[in-house]
Amino acid sequence: MKKITVIDGQGGKMGKSIIEQLKKQFPQQEILAIGTNNTATAAMLKAGADFGATGENPVIVAARDSDLIIGPIGIVIADSLYGEVTPAMAVAVGQSRARQLLMPVNRCNHQVVGCGNISLNEIISLVIEEVRKFL
């Protein structure tokens, strides 16, 4: 089984939605949820994540051995998510051998040019399809 890690911050809404959809589509797949804060972790655990952890060190450790990392694009940009992503987190995810599905969330002064303004639901649908291909 592949090791799937979902990383999110702030209130964990995006991570929560991703995990809900992953669990619907792939109920046997284990999912690790890592929040940059306790609120995000709690939301993702409530959504059905099998394991959860919070903070910088869990991101660094998970980046070492995950097969797939899913999260907003800010997880590879130091100081993003209003400062919740530390430089060490961004480096760990960026250097991870895992396949990374980064969602273009055009906030916090980071905009991905060329990505249309699509809804979070549309982004999540695209992520789920990519996970299907990966698995």
C-alpha atoms as a PDB file:
ATOM      1  CA  MET A   1       0.000   0.000   0.000  1.00  0.00           C
ATOM      2  CA  LYS A   2       1.223   3.489  -0.831  1.00  0.00           C
ATOM      3  CA  LYS A   3       1.847   6.015   1.928  1.00  0.00           C
ATOM      4  CA  ILE A   4      -0.358   9.039   1.303  1.00  0.00           C
ATOM      5  CA  THR A   5       0.205  12.189   3.363  1.00  0.00           C
ATOM      6  CA  VAL A   6      -2.126  15.184   3.315  1.00  0.00           C
ATOM      7  CA  ILE A   7      -0.671  18.425   4.671  1.00  0.00           C
ATOM      8  CA  ASP A   8      -2.794  21.483   5.402  1.00  0.00           C
ATOM      9  CA  GLY A   9      -2.882  24.506   7.664  1.00  0.00           C
ATOM     10  CA  GLN A  10      -5.190  27.254   8.866  1.00  0.00           C
ATOM     11  CA  GLY A  11      -8.581  25.601   9.583  1.00  0.00           C
ATOM     12  CA  GLY A  12      -7.787  22.456   7.601  1.00  0.00           C
ATOM     13  CA  LYS A  13     -10.798  22.855   5.293  1.00  0.00           C
ATOM     14  CA  MET A  14      -8.930  21.849   2.148  1.00  0.00           C
ATOM     15  CA  GLY A  15      -7.260  18.859   3.787  1.00  0.00           C
ATOM     16  CA  LYS A  16     -10.573  17.796   5.322  1.00  0.00           C
ATOM     17  CA  SER A  17     -12.294  17.861   1.928  1.00  0.00           C
ATOM     18  CA  ILE A  18      -9.456  15.931   0.282  1.00  0.00           C
ATOM     19  CA  ILE A  19      -9.501  13.237   2.966  1.00  0.00           C
ATOM     20  CA  GLU A  20     -13.283  12.864   2.801  1.00  0.00           C
ATOM     21  CA  GLN A  21     -13.086  12.285  -0.946  1.00  0.00           C
ATOM     22  CA  LEU A  22     -10.078   9.962  -0.708  1.00  0.00           C
ATOM     23  CA  LYS A  23     -11.847   7.828   1.894  1.00  0.00           C
ATOM     24  CA  LYS A  24     -14.964   7.629  -0.299  1.00  0.00           C
ATOM     25  CA  GLN A  25     -12.985   6.591  -3.362  1.00  0.00           C
ATOM     26  CA  PHE A  26     -10.294   4.469  -1.684  1.00  0.00           C
ATOM     27  CA  PRO A  27     -11.712   3.296   1.667  1.00  0.00           C
ATOM     28  CA  GLN A  28      -8.875   0.844   2.402  1.00  0.00           C
ATOM     29  CA  GLN A  29      -6.112   3.379   1.768  1.00  0.00           C
ATOM     30  CA  GLU A  30      -4.365   4.627   4.903  1.00  0.00           C
ATOM     31  CA  ILE A  31      -3.960   8.383   5.060  1.00  0.00           C
ATOM     32  CA  LEU A  32      -1.660  10.420   7.289  1.00  0.00           C
ATOM     33  CA  ALA A  33      -2.879  13.942   8.034  1.00  0.00           C
ATOM     34  CA  ILE A  34      -0.359  16.553   9.076  1.00  0.00           C
ATOM     35  CA  GLY A  35      -1.576  19.945  10.141  1.00  0.00           C
ATOM     36  CA  THR A  36       0.590  22.983  10.508  1.00  0.00           C
ATOM     37  CA  ASN A  37      -1.580  23.656  13.570  1.00  0.00           C
ATOM     38  CA  ASN A  38      -3.876  21.677  15.882  1.00  0.00           C
ATOM     39  CA  THR A  39      -7.081  22.934  14.280  1.00  0.00           C
ATOM     40  CA  ALA A  40      -6.063  21.681  10.827  1.00  0.00           C
ATOM     41  CA  THR A  41      -4.987  18.309  12.198  1.00  0.00           C
ATOM     42  CA  ALA A  42      -8.248  17.882  14.118  1.00  0.00           C
ATOM     43  CA  ALA A  43     -10.339  18.711  11.044  1.00  0.00           C
ATOM     44  CA  MET A  44      -8.484  16.153   8.924  1.00  0.00           C
ATOM     45  CA  LEU A  45      -8.766  13.457  11.599  1.00  0.00           C
ATOM     46  CA  LYS A  46     -12.482  14.158  11.866  1.00  0.00           C
ATOM     47  CA  ALA A  47     -12.709  13.682   8.089  1.00  0.00           C
ATOM     48  CA  GLY A  48     -11.368  10.141   8.441  1.00  0.00           C
ATOM     49  CA  ALA A  49      -7.588  10.292   8.336  1.00  0.00           C
ATOM     50  CA  ASP A  50      -6.073   7.183   9.886  1.00  0.00           C
ATOM     51  CA  PHE A  51      -3.242   9.003  11.635  1.00  0.00           C
ATOM     52  CA  GLY A  52      -2.516  12.615  12.447  1.00  0.00           C
ATOM     53  CA  ALA A  53       0.304  14.781  13.663  1.00  0.00           C
ATOM     54  CA  THR A  54       0.962  18.485  13.993  1.00  0.00           C
ATOM     55  CA  GLY A  55       3.889  20.746  13.258  1.00  0.00           C
ATOM     56  CA  GLU A  56       7.257  21.023  11.630  1.00  0.00           C
ATOM     57  CA  ASN A  57       8.891  17.745  12.642  1.00  0.00           C
ATOM     58  CA  PRO A  58       6.005  15.530  11.457  1.00  0.00           C
ATOM     59  CA  VAL A  59       6.156  17.237   8.047  1.00  0.00           C
ATOM     60  CA  ILE A  60       9.901  16.610   7.836  1.00  0.00           C
ATOM     61  CA  VAL A  61       9.583  12.963   8.896  1.00  0.00           C
ATOM     62  CA  ALA A  62       6.636  12.217   6.595  1.00  0.00           C
ATOM     63  CA  ALA A  63       8.377  13.839   3.631  1.00  0.00           C
ATOM     64  CA  ARG A  64      11.180  11.272   3.967  1.00  0.00           C
ATOM     65  CA  ASP A  65       9.053   8.206   3.321  1.00  0.00           C
ATOM     66  CA  SER A  66       5.725   9.232   1.800  1.00  0.00           C
ATOM     67  CA  ASP A  67       4.869   8.016  -1.672  1.00  0.00           C
ATOM     68  CA  LEU A  68       2.379  10.813  -2.296  1.00  0.00           C
ATOM     69  CA  ILE A  69       2.038  14.230  -0.634  1.00  0.00           C
ATOM     70  CA  ILE A  70      -1.096  16.297  -1.178  1.00  0.00           C
ATOM     71  CA  GLY A  71      -1.617  19.884  -0.081  1.00  0.00           C
ATOM     72  CA  PRO A  72      -1.892  23.509  -1.100  1.00  0.00           C
ATOM     73  CA  ILE A  73       1.019  24.835  -3.123  1.00  0.00           C
ATOM     74  CA  GLY A  74       2.059  26.864  -0.089  1.00  0.00           C
ATOM     75  CA  ILE A  75       3.537  23.767   1.561  1.00  0.00           C
ATOM     76  CA  VAL A  76       6.606  24.235  -0.650  1.00  0.00           C
ATOM     77  CA  ILE A  77       6.867  28.004  -0.044  1.00  0.00           C
ATOM     78  CA  ALA A  78       8.557  29.134   3.169  1.00  0.00           C
ATOM     79  CA  ASP A  79       6.463  31.427   5.357  1.00  0.00           C
ATOM     80  CA  SER A  80       3.255  30.768   3.417  1.00  0.00           C
ATOM     81  CA  LEU A  81      -0.150  30.018   4.941  1.00  0.00           C
ATOM     82  CA  TYR A  82       0.300  33.226   6.933  1.00  0.00           C
ATOM     83  CA  GLY A  83       3.626  32.033   8.298  1.00  0.00           C
ATOM     84  CA  GLU A  84       2.547  28.504   9.265  1.00  0.00           C
ATOM     85  CA  VAL A  85       4.937  26.852   6.789  1.00  0.00           C
ATOM     86  CA  THR A  86       8.466  27.086   8.113  1.00  0.00           C
ATOM     87  CA  PRO A  87      11.475  27.102   5.791  1.00  0.00           C
ATOM     88  CA  ALA A  88      12.366  23.589   7.022  1.00  0.00           C
ATOM     89  CA  MET A  89       8.887  22.302   6.117  1.00  0.00           C
ATOM     90  CA  ALA A  90       9.040  23.793   2.636  1.00  0.00           C
ATOM     91  CA  VAL A  91      12.486  22.311   2.006  1.00  0.00           C
ATOM     92  CA  ALA A  92      11.461  18.874   3.307  1.00  0.00           C
ATOM     93  CA  VAL A  93       8.405  18.696   1.062  1.00  0.00           C
ATOM     94  CA  GLY A  94      10.237  20.213  -1.906  1.00  0.00           C
ATOM     95  CA  GLN A  95      13.096  17.721  -1.630  1.00  0.00           C
ATOM     96  CA  SER A  96      10.879  14.712  -0.930  1.00  0.00           C
ATOM     97  CA  ARG A  97      11.046  11.830  -3.391  1.00  0.00           C
ATOM     98  CA  ALA A  98       7.251  11.585  -3.075  1.00  0.00           C
ATOM     99  CA  ARG A  99       5.002  12.532  -5.917  1.00  0.00           C
ATOM    100  CA  GLN A 100       3.459  15.859  -4.920  1.00  0.00           C
ATOM    101  CA  LEU A 101      -0.030  16.981  -5.820  1.00  0.00           C
ATOM    102  CA  LEU A 102       0.029  20.699  -5.061  1.00  0.00           C
ATOM    103  CA  MET A 103      -3.226  22.592  -5.299  1.00  0.00           C
ATOM    104  CA  PRO A 104      -3.089  26.137  -6.716  1.00  0.00           C
ATOM    105  CA  VAL A 105      -4.579  28.249  -3.988  1.00  0.00           C
ATOM    106  CA  ASN A 106      -4.075  31.829  -5.067  1.00  0.00           C
ATOM    107  CA  ARG A 107      -3.848  33.479  -1.652  1.00  0.00           C
ATOM    108  CA  CYS A 108      -1.210  34.805   0.717  1.00  0.00           C
ATOM    109  CA  ASN A 109       0.500  36.778  -2.080  1.00  0.00           C
ATOM    110  CA  HIS A 110       1.209  33.606  -4.081  1.00  0.00           C
ATOM    111  CA  GLN A 111      -0.553  33.265  -7.391  1.00  0.00           C
ATOM    112  CA  VAL A 112       0.018  30.499  -9.893  1.00  0.00           C
ATOM    113  CA  VAL A 113      -0.274  32.205 -13.262  1.00  0.00           C
ATOM    114  CA  GLY A 114      -1.887  30.092 -15.952  1.00  0.00           C
ATOM    115  CA  CYS A 115      -4.149  28.206 -13.569  1.00  0.00           C
ATOM    116  CA  GLY A 116      -7.697  29.272 -14.098  1.00  0.00           C
ATOM    117  CA  ASN A 117      -9.804  30.446 -11.202  1.00  0.00           C
ATOM    118  CA  ILE A 118     -11.482  27.130 -10.480  1.00  0.00           C
ATOM    119  CA  SER A 119     -13.373  26.209  -7.350  1.00  0.00           C
ATOM    120  CA  LEU A 120     -11.968  24.152  -4.504  1.00  0.00           C
ATOM    121  CA  ASN A 121     -14.398  21.351  -5.423  1.00  0.00           C
ATOM    122  CA  GLU A 122     -13.029  21.274  -8.977  1.00  0.00           C
ATOM    123  CA  ILE A 123      -9.453  21.210  -7.674  1.00  0.00           C
ATOM    124  CA  ILE A 124     -10.303  18.345  -5.320  1.00  0.00           C
ATOM    125  CA  SER A 125     -11.899  16.380  -8.176  1.00  0.00           C
ATOM    126  CA  LEU A 126      -8.701  16.784 -10.195  1.00  0.00           C
ATOM    127  CA  VAL A 127      -6.602  15.668  -7.212  1.00  0.00           C
ATOM    128  CA  ILE A 128      -8.751  12.558  -6.704  1.00  0.00           C
ATOM    129  CA  GLU A 129      -8.330  11.639 -10.364  1.00  0.00           C
ATOM    130  CA  GLU A 130      -4.556  11.994 -10.078  1.00  0.00           C
ATOM    131  CA  VAL A 131      -4.559   9.774  -6.972  1.00  0.00           C
ATOM    132  CA  ARG A 132      -6.574   7.184  -8.903  1.00  0.00           C
ATOM    133  CA  LYS A 133      -3.921   7.170 -11.632  1.00  0.00           C
ATOM    134  CA  PHE A 134      -1.144   6.996  -9.050  1.00  0.00           C
ATOM    135  CA  LEU A 135      -2.631   4.068  -7.160  1.00  0.00           C
END
